[in-house]
Amino acid sequence: MTTPDPASEPGGQARSGLLDRHIAFLEALRAAGLPVSLAEDLDAVAVLTALPWDDRAVVREGYAAAVVKRHAQRPTFDALFDLYFPPLVGDGATRLGADDGADGDEDGGAEGSEGQEGGDVPGSRDNAEALRDFRERLEAAMTAGDEQQLARLAAEAVGRFGAMPGRGPGLSSWSAYTALQRVAPGEIVDRLVQGLLAQGRGDDEARRAVAQQIGGFTRRVEADARRRIGEEKGAEHVARTALRPSIDRLDFLAMRRTDLEQMRREIYPLARRLATRLTQEHHAQRRGPLDFRRTVRASVSTGGVPLTTHHKPKRPHRSELVVLCDVSGSVANFAQFTLLLVFALREQFTKVRAFTFIDHVHEVTHHFKPGADVVDVMADLAASASHAALWGRTNYGRAIEKFAEQHADAIGPRTSLLVLGDARSNYSDLALTTLADLAGQCRHAWWLNPEHRRHWDTGDSAASRYADVVPMVECRNLTQLSELVHDLL
C-alpha cells in the first residue's frame, strides 16, 4: 500500500505551502539573530495547532510566545512576521482596517484597485493637490489617533508616492524612502504639536507624543514597502538584504537615534544577565587546585584508594579596571555604551576608572554614581567630550602620552587596561612605545575596535600596528560586547 502524496489530496498543497512558509520564517529568524532551537520550532507548531488561523493577531502572539526570548528581539520578529505572513497582498492591503485580523486572501489584491478611499494604487495621480489631500488626511488621523486609518494611509503612501515602475533588473519597484520624501510627515509636526498644546498638554509632552506618531507612521511605510518588495523578489531576499538586524546585533557605527534610545533601555538588563551568568560560573568553579597531601591522608581509611579528593581553597581575585575611550565622532556611541555596561558590572572589579579622549585625556569616573539615571549619565558624557579635545582632531599618540604623563597612578600590577576605539589617528604619531610600557605594567590589556575587521588598516587606520602591542578584537555590536566583557571578567 502506497502512502498518498499530501499535495495530491484536497488541501494538501495548502498544507505543504504553509509548512514551507513556517520553516522559511524560522530560518529567517535564526539568520536575523534570534536563537530559535528545534524544540522551540516544535513548540510553535504545537501552539499553532491550538489557535484559530482566521485571527492573524492571535497567530502572531502564538508564534512570539514560542520563539521570542527577550523584548529586544520583538521588533525583528514583528518585521519578519509581517514579511512572511502579510495581512493581504498587492494593493488589497490598503483595504485593511488594521494590520491584523485579515485572512490573507490573495483575491483582495485585484479587487482593491478601485473604489478605495484616496485611490491608492500605482498610477493614481501624484500631484500637488493629491499630496495636499493626503497630508490633510494624515494630520486628521494622527490628531484623532486612528490606528486603522494610519495603517491605510501608510499603504497608500507607498502605493501612490513610492511606486517606481520600469526600473532596471535587480532594482525594486517600490521605495519607502521616496514615499516618505514626498509625503514629508515632518512638515506637519508643528501643527500637530499646536493641536496637543490646545488640549492642555505640556510642550515637551506634546513633542514626544508627535515624534512617536511620526516614527510609528514611518515604520508602517517601511513595512509596507518591504511587503511589496517581498512579493516581487521573495521574502527571503528582503529578509537577507533590507531588514535591519535586532538591536543586539546592530553595528554601533550604524545606529540611528531611535536605535540609541532602545540601546539605553537594553544596557542594564544585559548587565543583570551577565552578572547572573558570572555568579553561576564562579560558584561552579569554587574549588581550587587539588590538595595532594590531604587527599593521600584521607585515602588511608580506604586502604590507599583516594575515593574522596580534597582541594585547596580557591583564592578569588578581582582586578582593577582602567578604561581608555575614544569619544570622537560615531565611535562615541560605542564608547559610551561600553562604559555603561562596564560600570553596571563594577561590583565584579575592585576599582573602575574611566578616561575619555579625542586628543587630550579627561577622567569621567565621577559620572558613574550608583543609581544614576542612564539618560543623565549619557548627557554628562556627551558634555564631557568637549574636555577631551584641544585641537579638535583625533590623536591617539598625544592622548596616550598625556595619559601616561598625568594618570600613571591608574596603572599597576593588578590593573586590567581596556582601550576602546577605531585606531584612526589622522596619520599622527602613535606613541607605540608608551602604550607598550603601559601594557607591560598591567596584568592584562585589550583593545576593542568597533569597525569591521575588513576596514582595519584602511585610510588612516593603524589597527595592525596597535594590535602588535595590545591584543585587538572586533567589537561591532552588543552581542560581541557582552561576550568580550564576560571573557574579560
Protein backbone atom coordinates (compact mmCIF):
# COMPACT_ATOMS: atom_id res chain seq x y z
CA MET A 1 0.00 0.00 0.00
CA THR A 2 1.48 3.27 -1.06
CA THR A 3 1.33 6.41 1.03
CA PRO A 4 -0.65 9.14 -0.73
CA ASP A 5 1.09 12.38 -1.55
CA PRO A 6 -0.33 15.12 0.71
CA ALA A 7 -0.13 17.62 -2.12
CA SER A 8 -2.40 15.41 -4.26
CA GLU A 9 -5.19 15.38 -1.67
CA PRO A 10 -7.70 18.22 -1.29
CA GLY A 11 -5.99 20.96 0.70
CA GLY A 12 -2.68 19.11 0.58
CA GLN A 13 -0.95 21.81 -1.46
CA ALA A 14 -2.06 24.46 1.03
CA ARG A 15 -0.72 22.42 3.95
CA SER A 16 2.58 21.88 2.16
CA GLY A 17 2.85 25.59 1.35
CA LEU A 18 2.09 26.54 4.95
CA LEU A 19 4.77 24.15 6.25
CA ASP A 20 7.33 25.56 3.82
CA ARG A 21 6.43 29.11 4.88
CA HIS A 22 6.75 28.13 8.56
CA ILE A 23 10.21 26.64 8.02
CA ALA A 24 11.36 29.63 5.94
CA PHE A 25 10.08 32.02 8.62
CA LEU A 26 12.01 30.28 11.40
CA GLU A 27 15.16 30.15 9.26
CA ALA A 28 14.84 33.89 8.69
CA LEU A 29 14.50 34.44 12.46
CA ARG A 30 17.69 32.46 13.05
CA ALA A 31 19.53 34.38 10.34
CA ALA A 32 18.44 37.63 12.00
CA GLY A 33 19.99 36.54 15.29
CA LEU A 34 17.05 35.04 17.19
CA PRO A 35 18.18 31.74 18.78
CA VAL A 36 15.27 29.51 17.73
CA SER A 37 16.01 25.89 18.62
CA LEU A 38 14.41 22.75 17.19
CA ALA A 39 12.45 22.35 20.43
CA GLU A 40 11.03 25.84 20.04
CA ASP A 41 10.22 25.06 16.42
CA LEU A 42 8.12 22.13 17.60
CA ASP A 43 6.60 24.25 20.38
CA ALA A 44 5.49 26.79 17.77
CA VAL A 45 3.84 24.03 15.72
CA ALA A 46 2.06 22.73 18.85
CA VAL A 47 0.87 26.22 19.77
CA LEU A 48 -0.39 26.98 16.27
CA THR A 49 -2.41 23.74 16.06
CA ALA A 50 -4.44 25.01 19.03
CA LEU A 51 -5.05 28.53 17.68
CA PRO A 52 -7.64 29.84 15.22
CA TRP A 53 -5.94 30.66 11.92
CA ASP A 54 -8.58 33.21 10.97
CA ASP A 55 -7.25 35.68 13.56
CA ARG A 56 -3.85 36.98 12.45
CA ALA A 57 -3.16 38.81 15.71
CA VAL A 58 -3.60 35.59 17.68
CA VAL A 59 -1.30 33.71 15.30
CA ARG A 60 1.34 36.42 15.71
CA GLU A 61 1.22 36.24 19.51
CA GLY A 62 1.27 32.44 19.44
CA TYR A 63 4.43 32.44 17.32
CA ALA A 64 6.02 35.10 19.55
CA ALA A 65 5.24 33.18 22.74
CA ALA A 66 7.04 30.14 21.35
CA VAL A 67 10.17 31.67 19.82
CA VAL A 68 10.88 35.16 21.24
CA LYS A 69 13.02 35.15 24.39
CA ARG A 70 13.77 38.83 25.00
CA HIS A 71 11.86 42.05 24.48
CA ALA A 72 14.66 43.47 22.33
CA GLN A 73 14.04 40.71 19.77
CA ARG A 74 10.37 41.56 19.29
CA PRO A 75 10.77 44.32 16.64
CA THR A 76 12.78 41.94 14.45
CA PHE A 77 10.21 39.19 14.95
CA ASP A 78 7.33 41.53 14.05
CA ALA A 79 9.07 42.76 10.90
CA LEU A 80 9.73 39.20 9.70
CA PHE A 81 6.22 38.04 10.60
CA ASP A 82 4.73 40.85 8.50
CA LEU A 83 7.05 39.84 5.68
CA TYR A 84 6.26 36.10 5.71
CA PHE A 85 2.60 36.38 6.79
CA PRO A 86 1.38 39.69 5.29
CA PRO A 87 -2.18 40.86 6.03
CA LEU A 88 -3.03 40.91 2.31
CA VAL A 89 -1.14 41.12 -0.96
CA GLY A 90 -0.76 43.80 -3.59
CA ASP A 91 -2.85 46.96 -3.20
CA GLY A 92 -5.50 44.96 -1.37
CA ALA A 93 -3.62 45.70 1.84
CA THR A 94 -4.89 49.28 1.68
CA ARG A 95 -8.43 47.99 2.22
CA LEU A 96 -7.38 46.52 5.55
CA GLY A 97 -8.73 48.42 8.51
CA ALA A 98 -5.80 47.41 10.69
CA ASP A 99 -2.74 45.31 10.02
CA ASP A 100 -4.14 42.31 11.92
CA GLY A 101 -7.23 40.21 11.63
CA ALA A 102 -7.13 39.53 7.87
CA ASP A 103 -7.33 36.13 6.30
CA GLY A 104 -4.66 36.74 3.66
CA ASP A 105 -6.98 36.17 0.67
CA GLU A 106 -4.93 36.91 -2.39
CA ASP A 107 -8.01 37.84 -4.39
CA GLY A 108 -8.28 41.02 -2.39
CA GLY A 109 -5.26 42.41 -4.16
CA ALA A 110 -7.03 42.62 -7.50
CA GLU A 111 -10.30 43.92 -6.14
CA GLY A 112 -8.69 46.66 -4.11
CA SER A 113 -7.66 48.77 -7.07
CA GLU A 114 -10.98 50.52 -7.45
CA GLY A 115 -13.38 52.31 -5.18
CA GLN A 116 -10.89 52.85 -2.38
CA GLU A 117 -10.64 55.99 -0.38
CA GLY A 118 -7.94 58.12 -1.89
CA GLY A 119 -7.38 55.94 -4.98
CA ASP A 120 -4.25 54.38 -3.52
CA VAL A 121 -2.88 52.36 -6.42
CA PRO A 122 0.18 52.83 -8.60
CA GLY A 123 -0.72 55.06 -11.48
CA SER A 124 -3.06 57.25 -9.40
CA ARG A 125 -2.39 60.94 -9.69
CA ASP A 126 0.67 62.18 -7.82
CA ASN A 127 0.45 65.95 -7.94
CA ALA A 128 0.32 68.89 -5.56
CA GLU A 129 -3.43 68.54 -4.99
CA ALA A 130 -3.18 64.81 -4.23
CA LEU A 131 -0.25 65.40 -1.89
CA ARG A 132 -2.09 68.18 -0.05
CA ASP A 133 -5.18 66.00 0.35
CA PHE A 134 -3.07 63.10 1.64
CA ARG A 135 -1.33 65.28 4.23
CA GLU A 136 -4.66 66.62 5.45
CA ARG A 137 -5.98 63.09 5.96
CA LEU A 138 -2.71 62.06 7.63
CA GLU A 139 -2.88 65.02 10.01
CA ALA A 140 -6.51 64.24 10.85
CA ALA A 141 -5.71 60.57 11.53
CA MET A 142 -2.77 61.45 13.79
CA THR A 143 -4.82 64.04 15.65
CA ALA A 144 -7.58 61.50 16.24
CA GLY A 145 -5.13 58.68 16.98
CA ASP A 146 -6.91 56.50 14.40
CA GLU A 147 -4.60 53.48 14.03
CA GLN A 148 -6.74 51.84 11.36
CA GLN A 149 -6.69 54.92 9.17
CA LEU A 150 -2.92 55.31 9.70
CA ALA A 151 -2.46 51.72 8.51
CA ARG A 152 -4.43 52.50 5.34
CA LEU A 153 -2.56 55.76 4.76
CA ALA A 154 0.83 54.07 5.13
CA ALA A 155 -0.07 51.56 2.41
CA GLU A 156 -1.50 54.37 0.28
CA ALA A 157 1.71 56.39 0.69
CA VAL A 158 3.76 53.55 -0.75
CA GLY A 159 1.26 52.70 -3.47
CA ARG A 160 0.81 56.27 -4.64
CA PHE A 161 4.05 58.11 -3.83
CA GLY A 162 6.56 55.27 -3.57
CA ALA A 163 5.87 53.45 -6.83
CA MET A 164 8.88 53.32 -9.16
CA PRO A 165 7.77 51.26 -12.20
CA GLY A 166 10.03 50.48 -15.10
CA ARG A 167 13.25 50.23 -13.11
CA GLY A 168 16.13 48.12 -14.37
CA PRO A 169 16.85 44.48 -13.49
CA GLY A 170 17.68 43.93 -9.83
CA LEU A 171 16.03 47.18 -8.73
CA SER A 172 12.81 47.28 -6.76
CA SER A 173 9.63 48.96 -7.98
CA TRP A 174 8.86 50.33 -4.51
CA SER A 175 10.70 52.77 -2.27
CA ALA A 176 9.77 53.75 1.30
CA TYR A 177 12.39 56.50 1.11
CA THR A 178 10.76 58.05 -1.96
CA ALA A 179 7.31 57.84 -0.39
CA LEU A 180 8.46 59.48 2.84
CA GLN A 181 10.34 62.18 0.96
CA ARG A 182 7.19 63.04 -0.98
CA VAL A 183 4.81 62.86 1.99
CA ALA A 184 7.30 64.58 4.36
CA PRO A 185 5.35 63.85 7.56
CA GLY A 186 7.80 66.01 9.48
CA GLU A 187 6.26 69.10 7.88
CA ILE A 188 3.04 68.68 9.87
CA VAL A 189 4.79 68.31 13.23
CA ASP A 190 4.24 71.93 14.30
CA ARG A 191 0.51 71.79 13.57
CA LEU A 192 0.15 68.51 15.47
CA VAL A 193 2.06 69.95 18.42
CA GLN A 194 -0.15 73.05 18.44
CA GLY A 195 -3.21 70.81 18.48
CA LEU A 196 -1.94 68.92 21.53
CA LEU A 197 -0.99 72.17 23.27
CA ALA A 198 -4.56 73.35 22.75
CA GLN A 199 -5.71 70.22 24.59
CA GLY A 200 -3.69 71.29 27.63
CA ARG A 201 -0.55 69.17 27.20
CA GLY A 202 2.90 70.50 28.00
CA ASP A 203 5.32 71.40 25.21
CA ASP A 204 7.78 68.55 25.91
CA GLU A 205 4.98 66.01 26.29
CA ALA A 206 3.33 67.16 23.07
CA ARG A 207 6.56 66.97 21.07
CA ARG A 208 7.35 63.48 22.41
CA ALA A 209 3.85 62.27 21.51
CA VAL A 210 4.09 63.70 17.97
CA ALA A 211 7.58 62.24 17.49
CA GLN A 212 6.21 58.81 18.45
CA GLN A 213 3.34 59.20 15.95
CA ILE A 214 5.68 60.24 13.14
CA GLY A 215 8.04 57.38 13.99
CA GLY A 216 5.17 54.89 14.02
CA PHE A 217 3.91 56.09 10.63
CA THR A 218 7.44 55.88 9.20
CA ARG A 219 7.77 52.28 10.39
CA ARG A 220 4.40 51.40 8.81
CA VAL A 221 5.52 52.85 5.47
CA GLU A 222 8.81 50.94 5.61
CA ALA A 223 6.95 47.73 6.49
CA ASP A 224 4.53 48.10 3.58
CA ALA A 225 7.40 48.78 1.16
CA ARG A 226 9.14 45.61 2.41
CA ARG A 227 5.91 43.66 1.93
CA ARG A 228 5.56 44.81 -1.67
CA ILE A 229 9.22 44.17 -2.46
CA GLY A 230 8.84 40.73 -0.87
CA GLU A 231 6.05 39.97 -3.33
CA GLU A 232 8.36 40.94 -6.20
CA LYS A 233 11.57 39.27 -5.13
CA GLY A 234 10.59 36.86 -2.39
CA ALA A 235 10.52 37.25 1.38
CA GLU A 236 13.94 35.60 1.71
CA HIS A 237 15.56 38.33 -0.41
CA VAL A 238 14.08 41.13 1.71
CA ALA A 239 14.93 39.38 4.97
CA ARG A 240 18.52 38.99 3.81
CA THR A 241 19.14 42.44 2.35
CA ALA A 242 16.64 45.01 3.59
CA LEU A 243 15.76 44.08 7.16
CA ARG A 244 17.70 45.70 9.98
CA PRO A 245 19.14 43.20 12.47
CA SER A 246 17.92 43.04 16.07
CA ILE A 247 19.29 45.69 18.42
CA ASP A 248 21.81 43.31 19.99
CA ARG A 249 23.31 42.57 16.54
CA LEU A 250 23.12 46.06 15.08
CA ASP A 251 26.51 47.67 14.47
CA PHE A 252 27.33 50.50 16.87
CA LEU A 253 28.53 52.60 13.94
CA ALA A 254 25.24 52.17 12.01
CA MET A 255 22.79 53.20 14.73
CA ARG A 256 20.08 55.81 14.31
CA ARG A 257 18.61 57.99 17.07
CA THR A 258 15.78 55.53 17.78
CA ASP A 259 18.33 52.70 17.98
CA LEU A 260 20.30 54.62 20.60
CA GLU A 261 17.20 55.02 22.76
CA GLN A 262 16.47 51.30 22.52
CA MET A 263 20.10 50.50 23.32
CA ARG A 264 19.93 52.58 26.50
CA ARG A 265 16.97 50.50 27.66
CA GLU A 266 18.85 47.27 26.91
CA ILE A 267 22.14 48.00 28.72
CA TYR A 268 21.11 47.35 32.31
CA PRO A 269 19.04 44.20 31.63
CA LEU A 270 22.09 42.91 29.75
CA ALA A 271 24.30 43.75 32.73
CA ARG A 272 21.97 41.84 35.07
CA ARG A 273 22.05 38.77 32.81
CA LEU A 274 25.83 38.94 32.60
CA ALA A 275 26.17 39.33 36.38
CA THR A 276 23.91 36.30 36.98
CA ARG A 277 25.87 34.23 34.48
CA LEU A 278 29.19 35.21 36.05
CA THR A 279 27.95 34.41 39.56
CA GLN A 280 26.79 30.96 38.47
CA GLU A 281 30.12 30.24 36.77
CA HIS A 282 32.12 31.44 39.77
CA HIS A 283 30.10 29.20 42.07
CA ALA A 284 30.64 26.23 39.75
CA GLN A 285 34.40 26.87 39.87
CA ARG A 286 34.59 27.42 43.60
CA ARG A 287 37.00 24.53 44.17
CA GLY A 288 40.70 25.33 43.96
CA PRO A 289 43.56 23.05 42.83
CA LEU A 290 43.93 19.52 44.19
CA ASP A 291 45.40 19.29 47.71
CA PHE A 292 47.57 16.19 47.19
CA ARG A 293 48.64 15.80 50.84
CA ARG A 294 45.10 15.90 52.27
CA THR A 295 43.83 13.57 49.55
CA VAL A 296 46.53 10.94 50.29
CA ARG A 297 45.97 11.26 54.03
CA ALA A 298 42.24 10.69 53.63
CA SER A 299 42.87 7.63 51.46
CA VAL A 300 44.44 5.75 54.43
CA SER A 301 40.98 4.91 55.75
CA THR A 302 40.07 3.29 52.42
CA GLY A 303 43.21 1.17 52.01
CA GLY A 304 45.07 3.77 49.99
CA VAL A 305 42.32 4.25 47.42
CA PRO A 306 41.59 8.03 47.04
CA LEU A 307 37.81 7.80 46.96
CA THR A 308 37.48 11.37 48.19
CA THR A 309 39.55 14.18 46.77
CA HIS A 310 40.37 17.33 48.71
CA HIS A 311 41.08 20.70 47.16
CA LYS A 312 42.85 23.79 48.31
CA PRO A 313 40.59 26.79 48.91
CA LYS A 314 40.23 28.93 45.85
CA ARG A 315 41.54 32.44 46.28
CA PRO A 316 39.19 34.71 44.39
CA HIS A 317 40.82 37.80 43.00
CA ARG A 318 39.24 40.81 41.40
CA SER A 319 41.31 43.13 39.33
CA GLU A 320 41.17 46.88 38.92
CA LEU A 321 39.90 48.08 35.56
CA VAL A 322 41.04 51.16 33.66
CA VAL A 323 39.05 52.08 30.52
CA LEU A 324 40.52 54.49 27.94
CA CYS A 325 37.88 55.56 25.39
CA ASP A 326 37.99 57.39 22.08
CA VAL A 327 34.84 59.59 22.08
CA SER A 328 35.26 61.22 18.66
CA GLY A 329 32.55 61.05 16.02
CA SER A 330 30.39 57.94 15.69
CA VAL A 331 32.83 55.93 17.85
CA ALA A 332 31.46 57.89 20.82
CA ASN A 333 28.27 55.78 20.92
CA PHE A 334 30.29 52.57 21.15
CA ALA A 335 32.50 54.00 23.91
CA GLN A 336 29.59 55.34 25.95
CA PHE A 337 27.57 52.13 25.85
CA THR A 338 30.65 50.09 26.72
CA LEU A 339 31.28 52.37 29.69
CA LEU A 340 27.68 51.99 30.83
CA LEU A 341 27.94 48.21 30.65
CA VAL A 342 31.28 48.11 32.47
CA PHE A 343 30.06 50.35 35.27
CA ALA A 344 26.85 48.34 35.60
CA LEU A 345 29.20 45.42 36.36
CA ARG A 346 31.59 47.40 38.58
CA GLU A 347 30.96 45.08 41.56
CA GLN A 348 32.97 42.49 39.64
CA PHE A 349 36.08 44.72 39.99
CA THR A 350 37.98 46.13 42.93
CA LYS A 351 38.02 49.55 41.29
CA VAL A 352 36.98 51.03 37.96
CA ARG A 353 38.39 54.22 36.45
CA ALA A 354 37.35 55.63 33.09
CA PHE A 355 39.06 58.17 30.82
CA THR A 356 37.87 59.68 27.54
CA PHE A 357 39.96 61.30 24.84
CA ILE A 358 39.96 62.84 21.39
CA ASP A 359 43.41 64.38 21.51
CA HIS A 360 43.50 65.06 25.26
CA VAL A 361 42.59 62.87 28.24
CA HIS A 362 39.75 63.59 30.67
CA GLU A 363 38.65 61.36 33.58
CA VAL A 364 34.90 60.63 33.71
CA THR A 365 34.76 58.13 36.57
CA HIS A 366 32.72 60.51 38.74
CA HIS A 367 29.80 60.42 36.29
CA PHE A 368 29.03 56.79 37.13
CA LYS A 369 27.43 57.12 40.53
CA PRO A 370 25.46 54.17 41.98
CA GLY A 371 21.81 54.51 41.00
CA ALA A 372 22.46 57.26 38.43
CA ASP A 373 19.92 57.53 35.63
CA VAL A 374 21.30 56.25 32.33
CA VAL A 375 19.98 59.27 30.38
CA ASP A 376 21.70 61.69 32.76
CA VAL A 377 24.94 59.72 32.52
CA MET A 378 24.83 59.79 28.71
CA ALA A 379 24.19 63.54 28.76
CA ASP A 380 27.10 64.11 31.15
CA LEU A 381 29.40 62.00 28.98
CA ALA A 382 28.40 63.92 25.86
CA ALA A 383 29.12 67.19 27.66
CA SER A 384 32.48 65.96 28.94
CA ALA A 385 33.62 65.01 25.43
CA SER A 386 34.47 68.68 24.81
CA HIS A 387 37.04 68.45 27.61
CA ALA A 388 38.75 65.59 25.80
CA ALA A 389 39.68 67.73 22.78
CA LEU A 390 42.14 70.58 22.48
CA TRP A 391 42.77 70.58 18.73
CA GLY A 392 39.51 69.01 17.56
CA ARG A 393 41.08 66.05 15.70
CA THR A 394 41.61 62.53 16.98
CA ASN A 395 45.21 61.96 18.02
CA TYR A 396 45.85 58.63 19.72
CA GLY A 397 49.55 59.32 20.21
CA ARG A 398 49.04 62.59 22.07
CA ALA A 399 46.23 61.07 24.17
CA ILE A 400 48.36 58.05 25.16
CA GLU A 401 51.31 60.28 26.04
CA LYS A 402 49.09 62.56 28.16
CA PHE A 403 47.53 59.58 29.91
CA ALA A 404 50.95 58.17 30.80
CA GLU A 405 52.11 61.59 31.97
CA GLN A 406 49.08 62.63 34.03
CA HIS A 407 47.48 59.37 35.18
CA ALA A 408 50.36 56.94 35.64
CA ASP A 409 49.00 56.10 39.12
CA ALA A 410 45.96 54.41 37.49
CA ILE A 411 48.16 51.57 36.14
CA GLY A 412 49.58 48.81 38.32
CA PRO A 413 50.24 45.06 38.51
CA ARG A 414 46.60 44.36 39.46
CA THR A 415 45.18 46.53 36.67
CA SER A 416 43.42 45.43 33.51
CA LEU A 417 43.60 48.06 30.74
CA LEU A 418 40.76 48.28 28.22
CA VAL A 419 41.20 50.60 25.20
CA LEU A 420 38.12 51.45 23.13
CA GLY A 421 38.48 53.00 19.68
CA ASP A 422 38.84 52.54 15.94
CA ALA A 423 42.62 53.22 15.93
CA ARG A 424 42.21 56.03 13.37
CA SER A 425 44.68 58.73 14.39
CA ASN A 426 44.72 61.10 11.38
CA TYR A 427 48.23 59.92 10.40
CA SER A 428 49.70 61.34 13.62
CA ASP A 429 52.34 59.78 15.87
CA LEU A 430 51.02 56.60 17.51
CA ALA A 431 53.10 56.51 20.74
CA LEU A 432 53.56 52.77 20.37
CA THR A 433 56.46 52.65 22.82
CA THR A 434 54.47 54.45 25.52
CA LEU A 435 51.48 52.14 25.01
CA ALA A 436 53.78 49.11 25.24
CA ASP A 437 55.16 50.42 28.55
CA LEU A 438 51.63 50.88 29.92
CA ALA A 439 50.56 47.41 28.78
CA GLY A 440 53.70 45.92 30.33
CA GLN A 441 52.78 47.34 33.74
CA CYS A 442 49.25 45.81 33.65
CA ARG A 443 48.04 42.34 34.42
CA HIS A 444 46.06 42.30 31.16
CA ALA A 445 45.42 44.69 28.27
CA TRP A 446 42.81 44.56 25.49
CA TRP A 447 41.74 46.81 22.64
CA LEU A 448 38.12 46.71 21.40
CA ASN A 449 37.64 48.03 17.86
CA PRO A 450 34.03 48.79 16.68
CA GLU A 451 34.97 48.64 12.99
CA HIS A 452 34.63 45.52 10.89
CA ARG A 453 37.95 43.74 10.56
CA ARG A 454 37.97 44.26 6.80
CA HIS A 455 38.21 48.03 7.41
CA TRP A 456 41.29 47.78 9.61
CA ASP A 457 44.43 49.34 8.08
CA THR A 458 42.41 51.29 5.50
CA GLY A 459 42.92 55.03 5.26
CA ASP A 460 44.38 56.40 8.50
CA SER A 461 43.68 53.22 10.48
CA ALA A 462 46.67 51.93 12.45
CA ALA A 463 44.85 48.86 13.76
CA SER A 464 47.53 46.28 12.99
CA ARG A 465 50.33 48.40 14.44
CA TYR A 466 48.42 48.84 17.69
CA ALA A 467 47.39 45.18 17.64
CA ASP A 468 51.09 44.23 17.72
CA VAL A 469 51.28 46.00 21.10
CA VAL A 470 47.85 45.29 22.63
CA PRO A 471 45.63 42.36 21.54
CA MET A 472 42.85 43.88 19.41
CA VAL A 473 39.44 42.28 18.86
CA GLU A 474 36.47 43.27 16.72
CA CYS A 475 33.52 44.51 18.79
CA ARG A 476 30.79 45.81 16.47
CA ASN A 477 27.55 45.09 18.35
CA LEU A 478 26.02 44.40 21.75
CA THR A 479 26.28 40.62 21.39
CA GLN A 480 30.03 40.76 20.77
CA LEU A 481 30.45 43.33 23.55
CA SER A 482 28.68 41.18 26.15
CA GLU A 483 30.77 38.13 25.23
CA LEU A 484 34.00 40.14 25.39
CA VAL A 485 33.11 41.64 28.77
CA HIS A 486 32.24 38.17 30.03
CA ASP A 487 35.61 36.81 28.87
CA LEU A 488 37.35 39.82 30.42
CA LEU A 489 35.76 39.05 33.80
